Amino acid sequence: MGAIRRHPKIRAALQTVLLSLAVSAGIVTAAAARGSAAGAVTPAATVSTEGATAVERARKQVAAGDLTGAIAQLADYVVAHPKDVAPARYLGDLYYRHSDYAAAERTYRGILRQLPGDRETHNRLGGVYAVEDRLADAIDEFEKSLPETAAYGYLVDLHRRRGDLAAFIAPFRRDADERPNDANAQWALGTIYRSLRRPKDAAMYLERALALEPRACPILSELGSAYLDLARVGPAIDELQRCLQIEPNNYSALVNLGDAYIARDDAADSRPLFERANRERPDGPEAIIDLGYLEDIDGHWQAAVANYLKALAIQPLALDAYGNLGYDYNVHHLYSLAEAAYIKGLSIAPDDGRLHFLLGETYAEQNKRDLARREYGLAAHSDQADVAQAARAQLAGQ
């Protein structure tokens, strides 16, 4: 999970709730981008020149707003070239964006029949099942995608929802403690601790991993994000810059370094990084959310909303986008749209304290006191300490 940066205007607006405490209930930059674990090997997808051309053509159609046309032309290509995996994977992604989850599942499963060990496709299939609330199936697919970084955060959320989070974490903790010279074991537990919002523990294990693999960009990027969680902005920037010296176009590090510059109040320096990340991975929701965040900082809320909606079209599990989208709607008194954004996010992550708190704020502004109190009560049990404290303060003041 990513370093969460607070929008300065929102922080000021919410100081009446907790005086000098900056409440983590406002617009945030994207959760830190995901990378593969050090040393992880994913079977390579078959990419032909013709297939790359078909994917690029589909991307341009999507960018022009023609998602249906992109699906139609790419589906024809995939039927004619069943062994060209990269276009098939992108077709599955387009079905996913179009909310045609059955077609996305069929497409991803077709790839896995050819490449059973393709972690990237297992990760995508896990996302389909998570959106459909098929917890056991989603967990199974995300586990098959390990050690893809994104999977750890999703698995933490899914196991929390299923009520067996401790059992999920236990073997990772045992592996890290019993195999101190295994960089992947240290990295995995550090990543899990970041997902659990335990950045101090995360940093300890990630530092151990880095000592073993000092040139591993995924470790450097994740450690940089852990330092951001601890408000250690300088060390975060150092680690992320080290990663980019090794891999100049590393998507994760570009996004995370942009977040670090925002934390240092250098938003202008962050934009080129987010734009580079977006060029490197046009379908990455994190960079798009962060670009929306910068539009919010500049007062261009409608442009920000467009970015958040674009990110959600790419990745319906992007909780930060729901929070930011709802907040912008709420600020502009579009309460029904704000409620819809928060409720949709909560349908994916029912225990997300920040979304419960923001929904409570929206209800309170409409004088829906009972509904607001219910949401504050749920937020008061959040594992985000500042959100829980803000919710308790609101309850005490009612």
Protein backbone atom coordinates (compact mmCIF):
# COMPACT_ATOMS: atom_id res chain seq x y z
CA MET A 1 0.00 0.00 0.00
CA GLY A 2 1.17 3.48 -0.66
CA ALA A 3 2.37 6.53 1.10
CA ILE A 4 -0.65 8.76 1.65
CA ARG A 5 -0.13 12.48 1.10
CA ARG A 6 -2.69 15.03 2.27
CA HIS A 7 -4.11 17.86 0.22
CA PRO A 8 -3.07 21.08 2.05
CA LYS A 9 -6.43 22.81 1.57
CA ILE A 10 -8.25 19.80 2.96
CA ARG A 11 -5.88 19.55 5.89
CA ALA A 12 -6.65 23.18 6.77
CA ALA A 13 -10.39 22.66 6.38
CA LEU A 14 -10.39 19.71 8.75
CA GLN A 15 -8.28 21.28 11.48
CA THR A 16 -11.50 22.27 13.20
CA VAL A 17 -12.03 18.57 13.82
CA LEU A 18 -8.71 17.83 15.44
CA LEU A 19 -7.13 21.25 15.97
CA SER A 20 -3.51 20.86 14.90
CA LEU A 21 -3.81 17.24 13.79
CA ALA A 22 -3.73 16.69 10.05
CA VAL A 23 -6.59 14.30 9.45
CA SER A 24 -6.09 11.62 6.84
CA ALA A 25 -9.57 12.10 5.49
CA GLY A 26 -8.99 14.32 2.49
CA ILE A 27 -7.72 14.02 -1.02
CA VAL A 28 -4.67 11.82 -1.25
CA THR A 29 -2.16 10.94 -3.85
CA ALA A 30 -2.28 7.43 -5.18
CA ALA A 31 -1.24 4.46 -3.14
CA ALA A 32 2.38 3.84 -4.02
CA ALA A 33 2.77 2.00 -7.29
CA ARG A 34 3.52 -1.66 -7.36
CA GLY A 35 6.61 -3.44 -8.63
CA SER A 36 7.76 -7.05 -8.78
CA ALA A 37 9.74 -8.58 -5.95
CA ALA A 38 13.49 -8.71 -6.26
CA GLY A 39 14.42 -11.68 -8.35
CA ALA A 40 10.83 -12.55 -9.27
CA VAL A 41 10.50 -14.14 -12.70
CA THR A 42 7.27 -14.08 -14.67
CA PRO A 43 6.99 -16.12 -17.87
CA ALA A 44 7.31 -13.72 -20.76
CA ALA A 45 4.22 -13.00 -22.80
CA THR A 46 4.43 -13.63 -26.51
CA VAL A 47 4.67 -10.24 -28.22
CA SER A 48 4.72 -10.05 -32.00
CA THR A 49 5.23 -6.88 -34.00
CA GLU A 50 1.72 -7.28 -35.38
CA GLY A 51 0.35 -7.78 -31.87
CA ALA A 52 2.10 -4.69 -30.56
CA THR A 53 0.55 -2.71 -33.40
CA ALA A 54 -2.91 -4.04 -32.56
CA VAL A 55 -2.50 -3.11 -28.89
CA GLU A 56 -1.26 0.38 -29.76
CA ARG A 57 -4.23 0.88 -32.08
CA ALA A 58 -6.60 -0.19 -29.29
CA ARG A 59 -4.89 2.14 -26.80
CA LYS A 60 -5.41 5.08 -29.13
CA GLN A 61 -9.09 4.18 -29.52
CA VAL A 62 -9.48 4.02 -25.76
CA ALA A 63 -7.75 7.39 -25.36
CA ALA A 64 -10.20 8.81 -27.91
CA GLY A 65 -13.13 7.51 -25.87
CA ASP A 66 -14.00 4.58 -28.12
CA LEU A 67 -13.75 1.68 -25.66
CA THR A 68 -16.35 -0.39 -27.50
CA GLY A 69 -14.51 -0.03 -30.80
CA ALA A 70 -11.20 -0.90 -29.18
CA ILE A 71 -12.67 -4.09 -27.76
CA ALA A 72 -14.20 -5.07 -31.11
CA GLN A 73 -11.03 -4.65 -33.15
CA LEU A 74 -8.78 -6.27 -30.55
CA ALA A 75 -11.18 -9.20 -30.06
CA ASP A 76 -11.00 -9.90 -33.79
CA TYR A 77 -7.21 -9.88 -33.63
CA VAL A 78 -7.08 -12.22 -30.62
CA VAL A 79 -9.39 -14.73 -32.29
CA ALA A 80 -7.10 -14.77 -35.31
CA HIS A 81 -3.90 -14.92 -33.22
CA PRO A 82 -4.68 -17.03 -30.13
CA LYS A 83 -1.02 -17.48 -29.16
CA ASP A 84 -0.23 -13.75 -29.12
CA VAL A 85 -0.58 -13.25 -25.38
CA ALA A 86 0.00 -9.52 -24.90
CA PRO A 87 -3.00 -8.44 -27.03
CA ALA A 88 -5.16 -11.04 -25.26
CA ARG A 89 -4.14 -9.68 -21.88
CA TYR A 90 -4.95 -6.14 -22.94
CA LEU A 91 -8.30 -7.33 -24.30
CA GLY A 92 -9.07 -8.78 -20.88
CA ASP A 93 -8.17 -5.42 -19.36
CA LEU A 94 -10.59 -3.67 -21.69
CA TYR A 95 -13.40 -6.07 -20.81
CA TYR A 96 -12.62 -5.37 -17.14
CA ARG A 97 -12.91 -1.60 -17.69
CA HIS A 98 -16.17 -2.18 -19.56
CA SER A 99 -17.47 -4.09 -16.49
CA ASP A 100 -17.86 -7.21 -18.61
CA TYR A 101 -16.27 -9.38 -15.95
CA ALA A 102 -17.38 -12.68 -17.49
CA ALA A 103 -15.58 -11.83 -20.73
CA ALA A 104 -12.51 -10.64 -18.83
CA GLU A 105 -12.41 -13.91 -16.90
CA ARG A 106 -12.70 -15.98 -20.08
CA THR A 107 -9.91 -14.03 -21.71
CA TYR A 108 -7.53 -14.28 -18.76
CA ARG A 109 -8.25 -17.97 -18.33
CA GLY A 110 -7.46 -18.51 -22.00
CA ILE A 111 -4.02 -16.96 -21.40
CA LEU A 112 -3.44 -19.11 -18.32
CA ARG A 113 -4.14 -22.26 -20.29
CA GLN A 114 -1.06 -21.35 -22.35
CA LEU A 115 1.01 -19.84 -19.52
CA PRO A 116 -0.16 -21.35 -16.20
CA GLY A 117 2.57 -19.54 -14.29
CA ASP A 118 1.92 -16.07 -15.69
CA ARG A 119 1.79 -14.02 -12.48
CA GLU A 120 0.65 -10.84 -14.21
CA THR A 121 -2.45 -12.53 -15.58
CA HIS A 122 -3.21 -14.25 -12.26
CA ASN A 123 -3.05 -10.80 -10.65
CA ARG A 124 -5.55 -9.41 -13.15
CA LEU A 125 -7.90 -12.36 -12.70
CA GLY A 126 -7.73 -11.83 -8.94
CA GLY A 127 -8.90 -8.27 -9.52
CA VAL A 128 -11.91 -9.51 -11.47
CA TYR A 129 -12.90 -11.87 -8.68
CA ALA A 130 -12.36 -9.18 -6.03
CA VAL A 131 -14.73 -6.81 -7.80
CA GLU A 132 -17.29 -9.62 -7.97
CA ASP A 133 -16.79 -10.25 -4.23
CA ARG A 134 -15.62 -13.82 -4.89
CA LEU A 135 -13.22 -13.78 -1.97
CA ALA A 136 -11.89 -17.34 -2.13
CA ASP A 137 -11.30 -17.19 -5.89
CA ALA A 138 -9.66 -13.76 -5.63
CA ILE A 139 -7.35 -14.92 -2.85
CA ASP A 140 -6.37 -17.99 -4.85
CA GLU A 141 -5.46 -15.91 -7.91
CA PHE A 142 -3.57 -13.24 -5.99
CA GLU A 143 -1.59 -15.94 -4.19
CA LYS A 144 -0.63 -17.39 -7.57
CA SER A 145 0.58 -13.94 -8.62
CA LEU A 146 3.01 -13.59 -5.70
CA PRO A 147 5.53 -12.05 -5.40
CA GLU A 148 3.91 -9.31 -7.52
CA THR A 149 3.83 -6.38 -5.09
CA ALA A 150 0.23 -5.36 -5.77
CA ALA A 151 -0.98 -8.76 -4.63
CA TYR A 152 0.15 -8.32 -1.03
CA GLY A 153 -2.08 -5.31 -0.40
CA TYR A 154 -5.08 -6.97 -2.00
CA LEU A 155 -4.47 -10.17 -0.03
CA VAL A 156 -4.31 -8.25 3.24
CA ASP A 157 -7.67 -6.63 2.47
CA LEU A 158 -9.26 -9.88 1.34
CA HIS A 159 -8.06 -11.91 4.31
CA ARG A 160 -9.20 -9.16 6.66
CA ARG A 161 -12.64 -9.37 5.10
CA ARG A 162 -12.61 -13.17 5.41
CA GLY A 163 -11.50 -12.97 9.05
CA ASP A 164 -8.26 -14.97 8.75
CA LEU A 165 -5.69 -12.20 8.42
CA ALA A 166 -3.46 -13.48 11.23
CA ALA A 167 -3.24 -16.92 9.64
CA PHE A 168 -2.28 -15.32 6.31
CA ILE A 169 0.53 -13.25 7.84
CA ALA A 170 2.00 -15.95 10.09
CA PRO A 171 3.98 -17.92 7.45
CA PHE A 172 5.46 -14.74 5.99
CA ARG A 173 6.60 -13.63 9.43
CA ARG A 174 8.07 -17.07 10.12
CA ASP A 175 9.90 -17.13 6.78
CA ALA A 176 11.39 -13.68 7.32
CA ASP A 177 12.57 -14.47 10.84
CA GLU A 178 13.89 -17.95 10.07
CA ARG A 179 15.57 -16.97 6.77
CA PRO A 180 17.39 -13.72 7.55
CA ASN A 181 19.53 -14.02 4.40
CA ASP A 182 16.55 -14.36 2.04
CA ALA A 183 15.91 -10.92 0.52
CA ASN A 184 12.52 -11.93 -0.91
CA ALA A 185 11.30 -13.14 2.49
CA GLN A 186 12.30 -9.84 4.13
CA TRP A 187 10.79 -7.84 1.28
CA ALA A 188 7.49 -9.74 1.35
CA LEU A 189 6.94 -9.19 5.07
CA GLY A 190 7.95 -5.55 4.78
CA THR A 191 5.41 -5.07 2.00
CA ILE A 192 2.71 -6.76 4.09
CA TYR A 193 3.48 -4.53 7.04
CA ARG A 194 3.08 -1.49 4.79
CA SER A 195 -0.34 -2.81 3.80
CA LEU A 196 -1.14 -3.15 7.50
CA ARG A 197 -0.11 0.48 8.06
CA ARG A 198 2.81 -0.51 10.24
CA PRO A 199 5.52 1.53 8.49
CA LYS A 200 8.13 1.22 11.25
CA ASP A 201 8.02 -2.59 11.04
CA ALA A 202 7.87 -2.38 7.24
CA ALA A 203 11.00 -0.23 7.10
CA MET A 204 12.91 -2.63 9.35
CA TYR A 205 12.31 -5.64 7.11
CA LEU A 206 12.77 -3.67 3.89
CA GLU A 207 16.11 -2.37 5.16
CA ARG A 208 17.14 -5.96 5.78
CA ALA A 209 16.11 -6.85 2.23
CA LEU A 210 18.05 -3.91 0.82
CA ALA A 211 21.20 -4.90 2.70
CA LEU A 212 21.00 -8.23 0.86
CA GLU A 213 20.00 -6.82 -2.55
CA PRO A 214 21.25 -3.20 -2.64
CA ARG A 215 20.42 -2.66 -6.32
CA ALA A 216 16.89 -4.08 -6.31
CA CYS A 217 14.54 -1.32 -7.49
CA PRO A 218 11.36 -2.89 -6.05
CA ILE A 219 12.97 -2.89 -2.61
CA LEU A 220 14.29 0.66 -2.99
CA SER A 221 10.88 1.90 -4.11
CA GLU A 222 8.97 0.15 -1.34
CA LEU A 223 11.46 1.32 1.29
CA GLY A 224 11.14 4.87 -0.02
CA SER A 225 7.38 4.64 0.45
CA ALA A 226 7.80 3.26 3.97
CA TYR A 227 10.00 6.24 4.81
CA LEU A 228 7.29 8.52 3.44
CA ASP A 229 4.77 6.82 5.72
CA LEU A 230 7.12 7.71 8.58
CA ALA A 231 7.42 11.32 7.34
CA ARG A 232 11.12 10.73 6.60
CA VAL A 233 10.96 12.59 3.32
CA GLY A 234 14.70 13.08 2.76
CA PRO A 235 15.62 9.39 3.11
CA ALA A 236 12.59 8.48 0.96
CA ILE A 237 13.82 10.71 -1.85
CA ASP A 238 17.32 9.26 -1.57
CA GLU A 239 16.13 5.67 -1.98
CA LEU A 240 13.77 6.47 -4.83
CA GLN A 241 16.43 8.41 -6.70
CA ARG A 242 18.79 5.46 -6.26
CA CYS A 243 16.20 3.23 -7.90
CA LEU A 244 15.80 5.59 -10.83
CA GLN A 245 19.56 5.71 -11.33
CA ILE A 246 19.37 1.96 -11.86
CA GLU A 247 16.07 1.87 -13.77
CA PRO A 248 15.27 5.38 -15.10
CA ASN A 249 11.76 4.42 -16.22
CA ASN A 250 10.71 2.38 -13.19
CA TYR A 251 7.00 3.18 -12.89
CA SER A 252 6.77 2.55 -9.17
CA ALA A 253 9.74 4.77 -8.32
CA LEU A 254 8.55 7.58 -10.59
CA VAL A 255 5.16 7.69 -8.88
CA ASN A 256 6.60 7.37 -5.39
CA LEU A 257 9.24 10.04 -5.97
CA GLY A 258 6.52 12.36 -7.21
CA ASP A 259 4.64 11.70 -3.97
CA ALA A 260 7.82 12.47 -2.02
CA TYR A 261 8.22 15.82 -3.76
CA ILE A 262 4.60 16.66 -2.89
CA ALA A 263 5.36 15.81 0.73
CA ARG A 264 8.26 18.29 0.46
CA ASP A 265 5.86 20.90 -0.98
CA ASP A 266 7.46 20.63 -4.42
CA ALA A 267 4.32 19.84 -6.39
CA ALA A 268 5.73 21.47 -9.54
CA ASP A 269 8.64 19.03 -9.53
CA SER A 270 6.28 16.08 -9.13
CA ARG A 271 4.28 16.67 -12.32
CA PRO A 272 7.05 15.66 -14.76
CA LEU A 273 7.53 12.44 -12.79
CA PHE A 274 3.84 11.55 -12.91
CA GLU A 275 3.73 12.36 -16.62
CA ARG A 276 6.78 10.15 -17.25
CA ALA A 277 5.14 7.37 -15.26
CA ASN A 278 1.95 7.76 -17.27
CA ARG A 279 3.89 7.54 -20.54
CA GLU A 280 5.70 4.47 -19.25
CA ARG A 281 2.45 2.78 -18.22
CA PRO A 282 -0.60 4.57 -19.68
CA ASP A 283 -2.89 2.11 -17.94
CA GLY A 284 -1.39 2.66 -14.48
CA PRO A 285 -4.08 4.22 -12.26
CA GLU A 286 -1.64 5.56 -9.66
CA ALA A 287 -0.04 8.18 -11.91
CA ILE A 288 -3.45 9.24 -13.22
CA ILE A 289 -4.79 9.70 -9.68
CA ASP A 290 -1.72 11.74 -8.80
CA LEU A 291 -2.16 13.94 -11.86
CA GLY A 292 -5.73 14.50 -10.71
CA TYR A 293 -4.42 15.43 -7.29
CA LEU A 294 -2.21 18.10 -8.87
CA GLU A 295 -5.23 19.49 -10.71
CA ASP A 296 -6.97 19.73 -7.33
CA ILE A 297 -4.02 21.61 -5.87
CA ASP A 298 -4.23 24.06 -8.78
CA GLY A 299 -7.98 24.52 -8.23
CA HIS A 300 -9.04 22.67 -11.38
CA TRP A 301 -11.49 20.34 -9.70
CA GLN A 302 -13.34 19.29 -12.84
CA ALA A 303 -10.07 18.23 -14.50
CA ALA A 304 -9.23 16.38 -11.30
CA VAL A 305 -12.57 14.56 -11.37
CA ALA A 306 -11.95 13.54 -14.98
CA ASN A 307 -8.64 11.97 -13.94
CA TYR A 308 -10.19 10.11 -11.00
CA LEU A 309 -12.93 8.74 -13.23
CA LYS A 310 -10.32 7.70 -15.80
CA ALA A 311 -8.34 5.89 -13.10
CA LEU A 312 -11.45 4.05 -11.93
CA ALA A 313 -12.26 3.02 -15.49
CA ILE A 314 -8.82 1.41 -15.56
CA GLN A 315 -8.85 -0.01 -12.04
CA PRO A 316 -12.19 -0.25 -10.19
CA LEU A 317 -10.30 -1.28 -7.02
CA ALA A 318 -8.47 2.09 -6.77
CA LEU A 319 -9.83 3.24 -3.40
CA ASP A 320 -7.94 6.54 -3.38
CA ALA A 321 -9.83 7.56 -6.51
CA TYR A 322 -13.20 6.96 -4.82
CA GLY A 323 -12.14 9.04 -1.83
CA ASN A 324 -10.81 11.91 -3.92
CA LEU A 325 -13.77 11.83 -6.29
CA GLY A 326 -16.26 11.90 -3.43
CA TYR A 327 -14.41 14.70 -1.70
CA ASP A 328 -14.47 16.92 -4.78
CA TYR A 329 -18.17 16.28 -5.26
CA ASN A 330 -18.85 17.03 -1.61
CA VAL A 331 -16.91 20.31 -1.63
CA HIS A 332 -19.04 21.45 -4.56
CA HIS A 333 -22.28 20.35 -2.85
CA LEU A 334 -22.92 17.50 -5.26
CA TYR A 335 -23.92 15.34 -2.34
CA SER A 336 -25.65 12.49 -4.16
CA LEU A 337 -22.59 12.01 -6.37
CA ALA A 338 -20.30 12.15 -3.33
CA GLU A 339 -22.38 9.54 -1.52
CA ALA A 340 -22.35 7.28 -4.58
CA ALA A 341 -18.55 7.49 -4.86
CA TYR A 342 -17.97 6.66 -1.20
CA ILE A 343 -20.54 3.87 -1.13
CA LYS A 344 -19.04 2.29 -4.25
CA GLY A 345 -15.61 2.36 -2.63
CA LEU A 346 -17.00 0.84 0.56
CA SER A 347 -18.63 -1.95 -1.43
CA ILE A 348 -15.07 -2.97 -2.37
CA ALA A 349 -13.43 -2.25 1.00
CA PRO A 350 -16.15 -2.28 3.69
CA ASP A 351 -13.67 -1.55 6.49
CA ASP A 352 -11.99 1.49 4.96
CA GLY A 353 -12.11 4.04 7.76
CA ARG A 354 -11.29 7.05 5.61
CA LEU A 355 -14.23 6.38 3.30
CA HIS A 356 -16.58 5.90 6.25
CA PHE A 357 -15.38 9.19 7.76
CA LEU A 358 -15.81 11.09 4.49
CA LEU A 359 -19.28 9.64 3.98
CA GLY A 360 -20.12 10.74 7.52
CA GLU A 361 -18.97 14.26 6.66
CA THR A 362 -21.22 14.30 3.60
CA TYR A 363 -24.21 13.13 5.62
CA ALA A 364 -23.47 15.68 8.34
CA GLU A 365 -23.41 18.54 5.85
CA GLN A 366 -26.89 17.48 4.73
CA ASN A 367 -28.06 17.28 8.36
CA LYS A 368 -28.55 13.51 8.07
CA ARG A 369 -27.40 13.12 11.64
CA ASP A 370 -28.24 9.48 12.27
CA LEU A 371 -26.51 8.38 9.08
CA ALA A 372 -23.51 10.57 9.87
CA ARG A 373 -23.22 9.16 13.37
CA ARG A 374 -23.32 5.61 12.02
CA GLU A 375 -20.45 6.33 9.62
CA TYR A 376 -18.38 8.09 12.28
CA GLY A 377 -18.95 5.09 14.54
CA LEU A 378 -17.57 2.76 11.88
CA ALA A 379 -14.63 5.09 11.19
CA ALA A 380 -13.82 5.23 14.91
CA HIS A 381 -12.68 1.59 14.67
CA SER A 382 -10.33 2.27 11.74
CA ASP A 383 -6.76 1.00 11.86
CA GLN A 384 -5.74 4.47 10.63
CA ALA A 385 -5.14 6.18 13.96
CA ASP A 386 -5.76 9.74 12.80
CA VAL A 387 -9.01 8.79 11.05
CA ALA A 388 -10.22 6.95 14.17
CA GLN A 389 -9.34 9.95 16.33
CA ALA A 390 -11.14 12.35 13.98
CA ALA A 391 -14.23 10.15 14.02
CA ARG A 392 -14.25 9.98 17.82
CA ALA A 393 -13.94 13.76 17.97
CA GLN A 394 -16.94 14.16 15.70
CA LEU A 395 -18.97 11.73 17.78
CA ALA A 396 -18.05 13.56 20.97
CA GLY A 397 -19.10 16.88 19.47
CA GLN A 398 -22.56 15.73 18.43
